[in-house]
């Protein structure tokens, strides 16, 4: 009988050890994903901040349309890697995607748009980038993660 109790204790101990190892491994993976997401979000926030300031200060405030392609190296890097599959599920990405979609449209249509249309599009990009940066900031602070307020 004592032998059976020892075996039962051993089996329970092994099972608990196995479950604890699984839990810790999953927690480690989740933490690594969170670190990647935060790094990507920081890069995107920096890029959008730069684009927003440049468009506002150098073009919109002077009522001059931006005629060149708006460069988005951080976003291009996100799209060209598998990291997008990990971060796209985050609700805070809706305003980011909206912003980069507007940038892409302006880049593609800039030669056919009138100056006032370019300025309108640039203003929309500035507004959307502010929403995206705010969403990233809220996400990083652990606050409300949805940007559909």
C-alpha atoms as a PDB file:
ATOM      1  CA  UNK A   1       0.000   0.000   0.000  1.00  0.00           C
ATOM      2  CA  UNK A   2       2.798   2.367   0.878  1.00  0.00           C
ATOM      3  CA  UNK A   3       4.336   1.619  -2.487  1.00  0.00           C
ATOM      4  CA  UNK A   4       1.128   2.723  -4.253  1.00  0.00           C
ATOM      5  CA  UNK A   5       1.010   5.964  -2.244  1.00  0.00           C
ATOM      6  CA  UNK A   6       4.636   6.689  -3.141  1.00  0.00           C
ATOM      7  CA  UNK A   7       3.888   6.056  -6.811  1.00  0.00           C
ATOM      8  CA  UNK A   8       0.792   8.255  -6.635  1.00  0.00           C
ATOM      9  CA  UNK A   9       2.762  11.050  -4.984  1.00  0.00           C
ATOM     10  CA  UNK A  10       5.465  10.698  -7.609  1.00  0.00           C
ATOM     11  CA  UNK A  11       2.923  10.768 -10.441  1.00  0.00           C
ATOM     12  CA  UNK A  12       1.170  13.832  -9.009  1.00  0.00           C
ATOM     13  CA  UNK A  13       4.511  15.578  -8.512  1.00  0.00           C
ATOM     14  CA  UNK A  14       5.582  14.785 -12.071  1.00  0.00           C
ATOM     15  CA  UNK A  15       2.251  15.992 -13.457  1.00  0.00           C
ATOM     16  CA  UNK A  16       2.399  19.234 -11.482  1.00  0.00           C
ATOM     17  CA  UNK A  17       6.001  19.776 -12.577  1.00  0.00           C
ATOM     18  CA  UNK A  18       5.048  19.198 -16.202  1.00  0.00           C
ATOM     19  CA  UNK A  19       2.088  21.582 -15.985  1.00  0.00           C
ATOM     20  CA  UNK A  20       4.232  24.228 -14.307  1.00  0.00           C
ATOM     21  CA  UNK A  21       6.833  23.908 -17.066  1.00  0.00           C
ATOM     22  CA  UNK A  22       4.124  24.331 -19.716  1.00  0.00           C
ATOM     23  CA  UNK A  23       2.725  27.388 -17.932  1.00  0.00           C
ATOM     24  CA  UNK A  24       6.144  29.027 -17.584  1.00  0.00           C
ATOM     25  CA  UNK A  25       6.994  28.320 -21.219  1.00  0.00           C
ATOM     26  CA  UNK A  26       3.729  29.850 -22.419  1.00  0.00           C
ATOM     27  CA  UNK A  27       4.291  32.869 -20.166  1.00  0.00           C
ATOM     28  CA  UNK A  28       7.806  33.310 -21.576  1.00  0.00           C
ATOM     29  CA  UNK A  29       6.485  33.162 -25.154  1.00  0.00           C
ATOM     30  CA  UNK A  30       3.791  35.710 -24.313  1.00  0.00           C
ATOM     31  CA  UNK A  31       6.383  38.060 -22.794  1.00  0.00           C
ATOM     32  CA  UNK A  32       8.642  37.729 -25.854  1.00  0.00           C
ATOM     33  CA  UNK A  33       5.692  38.526 -28.136  1.00  0.00           C
ATOM     34  CA  UNK A  34       4.794  41.549 -26.023  1.00  0.00           C
ATOM     35  CA  UNK A  35       8.367  42.830 -26.255  1.00  0.00           C
ATOM     36  CA  UNK A  36       8.293  42.445 -30.057  1.00  0.00           C
ATOM     37  CA  UNK A  37       4.950  44.201 -30.282  1.00  0.00           C
ATOM     38  CA  UNK A  38       6.214  47.065 -28.125  1.00  0.00           C
ATOM     39  CA  UNK A  39       9.346  47.425 -30.245  1.00  0.00           C
ATOM     40  CA  UNK A  40       7.313  47.509 -33.450  1.00  0.00           C
ATOM     41  CA  UNK A  41       4.856  49.978 -31.959  1.00  0.00           C
ATOM     42  CA  UNK A  42       7.687  52.247 -30.803  1.00  0.00           C
ATOM     43  CA  UNK A  43       9.191  52.264 -34.310  1.00  0.00           C
ATOM     44  CA  UNK A  44       5.837  53.015 -35.898  1.00  0.00           C
ATOM     45  CA  UNK A  45       5.067  55.727 -33.347  1.00  0.00           C
ATOM     46  CA  UNK A  46       8.425  57.401 -34.036  1.00  0.00           C
ATOM     47  CA  UNK A  47       7.879  57.196 -37.789  1.00  0.00           C
ATOM     48  CA  UNK A  48       4.333  58.565 -37.619  1.00  0.00           C
ATOM     49  CA  UNK A  49       5.457  61.356 -35.296  1.00  0.00           C
ATOM     50  CA  UNK A  50       8.135  62.375 -37.772  1.00  0.00           C
ATOM     51  CA  UNK A  51       5.708  62.269 -40.734  1.00  0.00           C
ATOM     52  CA  UNK A  52       3.089  64.230 -38.790  1.00  0.00           C
ATOM     53  CA  UNK A  53       5.540  66.973 -37.743  1.00  0.00           C
ATOM     54  CA  UNK A  54       7.061  67.230 -41.203  1.00  0.00           C
ATOM     55  CA  UNK A  55       3.721  67.494 -42.992  1.00  0.00           C
ATOM     56  CA  UNK A  56       2.270  69.932 -40.466  1.00  0.00           C
ATOM     57  CA  UNK A  57       5.245  72.262 -40.020  1.00  0.00           C
ATOM     58  CA  UNK A  58       6.805  72.266 -43.459  1.00  0.00           C
ATOM     59  CA  UNK A  59       3.771  71.953 -45.710  1.00  0.00           C
ATOM     60  CA  UNK A  60       0.315  72.366 -44.179  1.00  0.00           C
ATOM     61  CA  UNK A  61       1.236  75.419 -42.079  1.00  0.00           C
ATOM     62  CA  UNK A  62       2.766  77.004 -45.200  1.00  0.00           C
ATOM     63  CA  UNK A  63      -0.177  75.897 -47.387  1.00  0.00           C
ATOM     64  CA  UNK A  64       2.166  73.999 -49.704  1.00  0.00           C
ATOM     65  CA  UNK A  65       1.358  70.467 -50.839  1.00  0.00           C
ATOM     66  CA  UNK A  66       3.931  67.747 -50.370  1.00  0.00           C
ATOM     67  CA  UNK A  67       4.780  66.478 -53.832  1.00  0.00           C
ATOM     68  CA  UNK A  68       7.214  63.653 -53.083  1.00  0.00           C
ATOM     69  CA  UNK A  69       6.570  60.129 -51.891  1.00  0.00           C
ATOM     70  CA  UNK A  70       6.178  59.850 -48.132  1.00  0.00           C
ATOM     71  CA  UNK A  71       8.732  57.293 -46.994  1.00  0.00           C
ATOM     72  CA  UNK A  72       7.602  54.670 -44.469  1.00  0.00           C
ATOM     73  CA  UNK A  73      10.593  52.405 -43.738  1.00  0.00           C
ATOM     74  CA  UNK A  74       9.337  51.165 -40.346  1.00  0.00           C
ATOM     75  CA  UNK A  75       5.954  50.183 -41.784  1.00  0.00           C
ATOM     76  CA  UNK A  76       7.585  48.625 -44.854  1.00  0.00           C
ATOM     77  CA  UNK A  77       9.785  46.517 -42.565  1.00  0.00           C
ATOM     78  CA  UNK A  78       6.746  45.408 -40.556  1.00  0.00           C
ATOM     79  CA  UNK A  79       4.927  44.395 -43.720  1.00  0.00           C
ATOM     80  CA  UNK A  80       7.881  42.495 -45.167  1.00  0.00           C
ATOM     81  CA  UNK A  81       8.340  40.304 -42.085  1.00  0.00           C
ATOM     82  CA  UNK A  82       6.146  37.860 -40.246  1.00  0.00           C
ATOM     83  CA  UNK A  83       5.901  40.235 -37.278  1.00  0.00           C
ATOM     84  CA  UNK A  84       2.741  41.686 -38.822  1.00  0.00           C
ATOM     85  CA  UNK A  85       1.008  38.371 -38.148  1.00  0.00           C
ATOM     86  CA  UNK A  86       1.770  38.744 -34.455  1.00  0.00           C
ATOM     87  CA  UNK A  87       0.767  42.373 -34.057  1.00  0.00           C
ATOM     88  CA  UNK A  88      -2.148  42.738 -36.454  1.00  0.00           C
ATOM     89  CA  UNK A  89      -4.496  41.131 -33.930  1.00  0.00           C
ATOM     90  CA  UNK A  90      -4.038  44.050 -31.557  1.00  0.00           C
ATOM     91  CA  UNK A  91      -7.041  46.372 -31.564  1.00  0.00           C
ATOM     92  CA  UNK A  92      -4.767  49.399 -31.455  1.00  0.00           C
ATOM     93  CA  UNK A  93      -3.732  48.685 -35.032  1.00  0.00           C
ATOM     94  CA  UNK A  94      -6.928  50.002 -36.648  1.00  0.00           C
ATOM     95  CA  UNK A  95      -5.820  53.660 -36.586  1.00  0.00           C
ATOM     96  CA  UNK A  96      -2.299  52.678 -37.633  1.00  0.00           C
ATOM     97  CA  UNK A  97      -3.599  50.825 -40.665  1.00  0.00           C
ATOM     98  CA  UNK A  98      -5.891  53.767 -41.485  1.00  0.00           C
ATOM     99  CA  UNK A  99      -2.936  56.148 -41.378  1.00  0.00           C
ATOM    100  CA  UNK A 100      -0.661  54.045 -43.549  1.00  0.00           C
ATOM    101  CA  UNK A 101      -3.501  53.410 -45.989  1.00  0.00           C
ATOM    102  CA  UNK A 102      -3.966  57.175 -46.363  1.00  0.00           C
ATOM    103  CA  UNK A 103      -0.220  57.608 -46.881  1.00  0.00           C
ATOM    104  CA  UNK A 104      -0.222  54.892 -49.538  1.00  0.00           C
ATOM    105  CA  UNK A 105      -3.173  56.473 -51.345  1.00  0.00           C
ATOM    106  CA  UNK A 106      -1.525  59.908 -51.295  1.00  0.00           C
ATOM    107  CA  UNK A 107       1.738  58.415 -52.546  1.00  0.00           C
ATOM    108  CA  UNK A 108      -0.032  56.680 -55.417  1.00  0.00           C
ATOM    109  CA  UNK A 109      -2.319  59.577 -56.385  1.00  0.00           C
ATOM    110  CA  UNK A 110      -0.078  62.578 -55.689  1.00  0.00           C
ATOM    111  CA  UNK A 111       0.558  63.325 -59.378  1.00  0.00           C
ATOM    112  CA  UNK A 112      -3.128  63.465 -60.285  1.00  0.00           C
ATOM    113  CA  UNK A 113      -4.446  65.345 -57.240  1.00  0.00           C
ATOM    114  CA  UNK A 114      -4.939  69.093 -57.117  1.00  0.00           C
ATOM    115  CA  UNK A 115      -2.993  71.078 -54.520  1.00  0.00           C
ATOM    116  CA  UNK A 116      -6.095  71.465 -52.333  1.00  0.00           C
ATOM    117  CA  UNK A 117      -6.756  67.700 -52.498  1.00  0.00           C
ATOM    118  CA  UNK A 118      -3.148  67.019 -51.511  1.00  0.00           C
ATOM    119  CA  UNK A 119      -3.468  69.412 -48.570  1.00  0.00           C
ATOM    120  CA  UNK A 120      -6.738  67.747 -47.521  1.00  0.00           C
ATOM    121  CA  UNK A 121      -5.104  64.311 -47.692  1.00  0.00           C
ATOM    122  CA  UNK A 122      -2.092  65.568 -45.750  1.00  0.00           C
ATOM    123  CA  UNK A 123      -4.395  66.975 -43.079  1.00  0.00           C
ATOM    124  CA  UNK A 124      -6.161  63.613 -42.837  1.00  0.00           C
ATOM    125  CA  UNK A 125      -2.804  61.855 -42.455  1.00  0.00           C
ATOM    126  CA  UNK A 126      -1.822  64.250 -39.660  1.00  0.00           C
ATOM    127  CA  UNK A 127      -5.133  63.648 -37.843  1.00  0.00           C
ATOM    128  CA  UNK A 128      -4.977  59.868 -38.325  1.00  0.00           C
ATOM    129  CA  UNK A 129      -1.356  59.706 -37.207  1.00  0.00           C
ATOM    130  CA  UNK A 130      -2.265  61.574 -34.008  1.00  0.00           C
ATOM    131  CA  UNK A 131      -4.970  58.961 -33.329  1.00  0.00           C
ATOM    132  CA  UNK A 132      -2.517  56.142 -34.074  1.00  0.00           C
ATOM    133  CA  UNK A 133       0.167  57.589 -31.795  1.00  0.00           C
ATOM    134  CA  UNK A 134      -2.436  58.039 -29.046  1.00  0.00           C
ATOM    135  CA  UNK A 135      -3.581  54.432 -29.489  1.00  0.00           C
ATOM    136  CA  UNK A 136       0.004  53.189 -29.269  1.00  0.00           C
ATOM    137  CA  UNK A 137       0.581  55.238 -26.135  1.00  0.00           C
ATOM    138  CA  UNK A 138      -2.590  53.870 -24.505  1.00  0.00           C
ATOM    139  CA  UNK A 139      -1.633  50.324 -25.461  1.00  0.00           C
ATOM    140  CA  UNK A 140       1.847  50.687 -23.979  1.00  0.00           C
ATOM    141  CA  UNK A 141       0.451  52.144 -20.755  1.00  0.00           C
ATOM    142  CA  UNK A 142      -1.900  49.198 -20.469  1.00  0.00           C
ATOM    143  CA  UNK A 143      -4.953  51.395 -20.740  1.00  0.00           C
ATOM    144  CA  UNK A 144      -7.862  51.059 -23.084  1.00  0.00           C
ATOM    145  CA  UNK A 145      -6.632  49.104 -26.076  1.00  0.00           C
ATOM    146  CA  UNK A 146      -9.430  49.816 -28.492  1.00  0.00           C
ATOM    147  CA  UNK A 147      -9.254  52.931 -30.609  1.00  0.00           C
ATOM    148  CA  UNK A 148     -12.851  52.827 -31.774  1.00  0.00           C
ATOM    149  CA  UNK A 149     -14.032  55.244 -29.095  1.00  0.00           C
END
